Amino acid sequence: MQTEKLEQIQQMTDAALERLGKALAEGKSDTLKQYLATMAKFYHYSFGNQLLIAFQKPDATHVAGFNAWKKFNRFVKKGERGIVILAPITRVVGKVEEHRTDGTTDTKELRRMVNVKPVYVFDIS
């Protein structure tokens, strides 16, 4: 099931890139402007996720996951369709000690991305 979902996401990403390339080849800069506007709004997302957001909901203004909206005291309407993006799956691979100038030491976990999984985000509208 998850493999099928990942393949579907890859197809959507490929379709978005193909649509952008075709529009640029035809001299249509409006499509590029639309993608750039989406990228400007969602700069903290990866390029692939920006494409997925732009392809699925070009007029999105602010997206967050279901639980994130609950933290903002907002709720997703029942039956609302989400925007599928890829979220990283990370694992702890070690620890790093940071020595501060005041002589204290801080230990932090060293994490690496090992995979991705499809998740849904919802636009504020």
C-alpha atoms as a PDB file:
ATOM      1  CA  MET A   1       0.000   0.000   0.000  1.00  0.00           C
ATOM      2  CA  GLN A   2       2.701   2.504   0.989  1.00  0.00           C
ATOM      3  CA  THR A   3       4.804   1.552  -2.035  1.00  0.00           C
ATOM      4  CA  GLU A   4       1.829   2.293  -4.280  1.00  0.00           C
ATOM      5  CA  LYS A   5       1.332   5.653  -2.553  1.00  0.00           C
ATOM      6  CA  LEU A   6       5.022   6.530  -3.005  1.00  0.00           C
ATOM      7  CA  GLU A   7       4.833   5.600  -6.687  1.00  0.00           C
ATOM      8  CA  GLN A   8       1.731   7.766  -7.054  1.00  0.00           C
ATOM      9  CA  ILE A   9       3.555  10.683  -5.423  1.00  0.00           C
ATOM     10  CA  GLN A  10       6.524  10.173  -7.757  1.00  0.00           C
ATOM     11  CA  GLN A  11       4.158  10.233 -10.748  1.00  0.00           C
ATOM     12  CA  MET A  12       2.547  13.452  -9.491  1.00  0.00           C
ATOM     13  CA  THR A  13       5.977  15.063  -9.048  1.00  0.00           C
ATOM     14  CA  ASP A  14       7.031  13.970 -12.529  1.00  0.00           C
ATOM     15  CA  ALA A  15       3.762  15.294 -13.975  1.00  0.00           C
ATOM     16  CA  ALA A  16       4.253  18.651 -12.254  1.00  0.00           C
ATOM     17  CA  LEU A  17       7.792  18.970 -13.616  1.00  0.00           C
ATOM     18  CA  GLU A  18       6.633  17.925 -17.077  1.00  0.00           C
ATOM     19  CA  ARG A  19       3.790  20.455 -16.995  1.00  0.00           C
ATOM     20  CA  LEU A  20       6.183  23.204 -15.922  1.00  0.00           C
ATOM     21  CA  GLY A  21       8.695  22.270 -18.631  1.00  0.00           C
ATOM     22  CA  LYS A  22       6.012  22.155 -21.312  1.00  0.00           C
ATOM     23  CA  ALA A  23       4.615  25.540 -20.285  1.00  0.00           C
ATOM     24  CA  LEU A  24       8.088  27.093 -20.352  1.00  0.00           C
ATOM     25  CA  ALA A  25       8.816  25.581 -23.765  1.00  0.00           C
ATOM     26  CA  GLU A  26       5.600  27.145 -25.061  1.00  0.00           C
ATOM     27  CA  GLY A  27       6.688  30.508 -23.695  1.00  0.00           C
ATOM     28  CA  LYS A  28       4.059  30.624 -20.951  1.00  0.00           C
ATOM     29  CA  SER A  29       5.681  32.312 -17.994  1.00  0.00           C
ATOM     30  CA  ASP A  30       2.451  32.380 -15.953  1.00  0.00           C
ATOM     31  CA  THR A  31       2.972  28.748 -14.953  1.00  0.00           C
ATOM     32  CA  LEU A  32       6.498  29.503 -13.805  1.00  0.00           C
ATOM     33  CA  LYS A  33       5.242  32.515 -11.853  1.00  0.00           C
ATOM     34  CA  GLN A  34       2.649  30.295 -10.188  1.00  0.00           C
ATOM     35  CA  TYR A  35       5.287  27.745  -9.166  1.00  0.00           C
ATOM     36  CA  LEU A  36       7.619  30.480  -7.924  1.00  0.00           C
ATOM     37  CA  ALA A  37       4.810  32.005  -5.865  1.00  0.00           C
ATOM     38  CA  THR A  38       4.130  28.612  -4.282  1.00  0.00           C
ATOM     39  CA  MET A  39       7.829  28.139  -3.579  1.00  0.00           C
ATOM     40  CA  ALA A  40       8.019  31.551  -1.925  1.00  0.00           C
ATOM     41  CA  LYS A  41       5.114  30.678   0.377  1.00  0.00           C
ATOM     42  CA  PHE A  42       6.460  27.238   1.301  1.00  0.00           C
ATOM     43  CA  TYR A  43      10.212  27.854   1.374  1.00  0.00           C
ATOM     44  CA  HIS A  44      10.647  25.612   4.420  1.00  0.00           C
ATOM     45  CA  TYR A  45       9.436  22.588   2.429  1.00  0.00           C
ATOM     46  CA  SER A  46      11.654  20.603   0.076  1.00  0.00           C
ATOM     47  CA  PHE A  47      11.546  21.317  -3.648  1.00  0.00           C
ATOM     48  CA  GLY A  48       9.652  18.065  -4.259  1.00  0.00           C
ATOM     49  CA  ASN A  49       7.042  18.919  -1.623  1.00  0.00           C
ATOM     50  CA  GLN A  50       6.706  22.430  -3.057  1.00  0.00           C
ATOM     51  CA  LEU A  51       5.922  20.871  -6.433  1.00  0.00           C
ATOM     52  CA  LEU A  52       3.414  18.497  -4.858  1.00  0.00           C
ATOM     53  CA  ILE A  53       1.642  21.357  -3.074  1.00  0.00           C
ATOM     54  CA  ALA A  54       1.594  23.504  -6.226  1.00  0.00           C
ATOM     55  CA  PHE A  55       0.325  20.628  -8.366  1.00  0.00           C
ATOM     56  CA  GLN A  56      -2.448  19.551  -5.989  1.00  0.00           C
ATOM     57  CA  LYS A  57      -3.577  22.939  -4.663  1.00  0.00           C
ATOM     58  CA  PRO A  58      -2.066  25.871  -6.577  1.00  0.00           C
ATOM     59  CA  ASP A  59      -3.975  28.411  -4.483  1.00  0.00           C
ATOM     60  CA  ALA A  60      -2.736  27.070  -1.111  1.00  0.00           C
ATOM     61  CA  THR A  61      -1.663  29.802   1.278  1.00  0.00           C
ATOM     62  CA  HIS A  62      -0.722  28.079   4.540  1.00  0.00           C
ATOM     63  CA  VAL A  63      -0.513  24.319   5.054  1.00  0.00           C
ATOM     64  CA  ALA A  64      -0.025  22.211   8.168  1.00  0.00           C
ATOM     65  CA  GLY A  65      -0.722  18.678   9.304  1.00  0.00           C
ATOM     66  CA  PHE A  66      -3.833  17.582  11.147  1.00  0.00           C
ATOM     67  CA  ASN A  67      -2.217  17.709  14.602  1.00  0.00           C
ATOM     68  CA  ALA A  68      -0.500  21.028  13.897  1.00  0.00           C
ATOM     69  CA  TRP A  69      -3.883  22.618  13.141  1.00  0.00           C
ATOM     70  CA  LYS A  70      -5.193  21.275  16.467  1.00  0.00           C
ATOM     71  CA  LYS A  71      -2.322  23.025  18.274  1.00  0.00           C
ATOM     72  CA  PHE A  72      -3.467  26.299  16.660  1.00  0.00           C
ATOM     73  CA  ASN A  73      -7.033  25.630  17.901  1.00  0.00           C
ATOM     74  CA  ARG A  74      -8.167  25.037  14.333  1.00  0.00           C
ATOM     75  CA  PHE A  75      -9.782  21.881  13.100  1.00  0.00           C
ATOM     76  CA  VAL A  76      -9.882  20.077   9.771  1.00  0.00           C
ATOM     77  CA  LYS A  77     -13.406  19.582   8.481  1.00  0.00           C
ATOM     78  CA  LYS A  78     -14.567  15.989   8.327  1.00  0.00           C
ATOM     79  CA  GLY A  79     -14.153  14.621   4.797  1.00  0.00           C
ATOM     80  CA  GLU A  80     -11.657  17.334   3.815  1.00  0.00           C
ATOM     81  CA  ARG A  81      -9.146  16.225   1.191  1.00  0.00           C
ATOM     82  CA  GLY A  82      -5.531  16.668   2.173  1.00  0.00           C
ATOM     83  CA  ILE A  83      -2.476  17.509   0.113  1.00  0.00           C
ATOM     84  CA  VAL A  84      -0.092  14.572   0.069  1.00  0.00           C
ATOM     85  CA  ILE A  85       3.601  15.322   0.626  1.00  0.00           C
ATOM     86  CA  LEU A  86       6.626  13.261   1.656  1.00  0.00           C
ATOM     87  CA  ALA A  87       7.792  13.419   5.274  1.00  0.00           C
ATOM     88  CA  PRO A  88      11.272  12.232   6.249  1.00  0.00           C
ATOM     89  CA  ILE A  89      11.750   9.272   8.556  1.00  0.00           C
ATOM     90  CA  THR A  90      14.845   9.727  10.715  1.00  0.00           C
ATOM     91  CA  ARG A  91      16.792   7.411  13.011  1.00  0.00           C
ATOM     92  CA  VAL A  92      19.272   8.142  15.775  1.00  0.00           C
ATOM     93  CA  VAL A  93      22.733   7.056  14.563  1.00  0.00           C
ATOM     94  CA  GLY A  94      24.871   8.425  17.374  1.00  0.00           C
ATOM     95  CA  LYS A  95      25.460  11.259  19.788  1.00  0.00           C
ATOM     96  CA  VAL A  96      27.472  14.445  19.481  1.00  0.00           C
ATOM     97  CA  GLU A  97      28.937  16.409  22.373  1.00  0.00           C
ATOM     98  CA  GLU A  98      29.080  20.168  22.022  1.00  0.00           C
ATOM     99  CA  HIS A  99      31.480  22.047  24.271  1.00  0.00           C
ATOM    100  CA  ARG A 100      30.351  25.558  25.105  1.00  0.00           C
ATOM    101  CA  THR A 101      32.556  28.533  25.907  1.00  0.00           C
ATOM    102  CA  ASP A 102      31.313  28.566  29.505  1.00  0.00           C
ATOM    103  CA  GLY A 103      32.788  25.080  30.075  1.00  0.00           C
ATOM    104  CA  THR A 104      29.531  23.103  29.957  1.00  0.00           C
ATOM    105  CA  THR A 105      28.893  20.225  27.616  1.00  0.00           C
ATOM    106  CA  ASP A 106      25.675  19.545  25.744  1.00  0.00           C
ATOM    107  CA  THR A 107      24.932  16.123  24.239  1.00  0.00           C
ATOM    108  CA  LYS A 108      22.672  15.957  21.200  1.00  0.00           C
ATOM    109  CA  GLU A 109      21.401  13.041  19.171  1.00  0.00           C
ATOM    110  CA  LEU A 110      22.770  12.683  15.660  1.00  0.00           C
ATOM    111  CA  ARG A 111      19.907  11.795  13.322  1.00  0.00           C
ATOM    112  CA  ARG A 112      19.930  10.693   9.696  1.00  0.00           C
ATOM    113  CA  MET A 113      17.101  10.456   7.210  1.00  0.00           C
ATOM    114  CA  VAL A 114      16.529   6.803   6.334  1.00  0.00           C
ATOM    115  CA  ASN A 115      13.304   6.932   4.334  1.00  0.00           C
ATOM    116  CA  VAL A 116      10.222   8.978   3.500  1.00  0.00           C
ATOM    117  CA  LYS A 117       6.529   8.381   4.042  1.00  0.00           C
ATOM    118  CA  PRO A 118       3.454   9.988   2.538  1.00  0.00           C
ATOM    119  CA  VAL A 119       1.596  12.338   4.886  1.00  0.00           C
ATOM    120  CA  TYR A 120      -1.272  14.747   4.416  1.00  0.00           C
ATOM    121  CA  VAL A 121      -1.261  18.473   5.066  1.00  0.00           C
ATOM    122  CA  PHE A 122      -4.275  20.748   4.891  1.00  0.00           C
ATOM    123  CA  ASP A 123      -4.555  24.301   3.605  1.00  0.00           C
ATOM    124  CA  ILE A 124      -5.970  26.954   5.890  1.00  0.00           C
ATOM    125  CA  SER A 125      -8.786  27.656   3.435  1.00  0.00           C
END
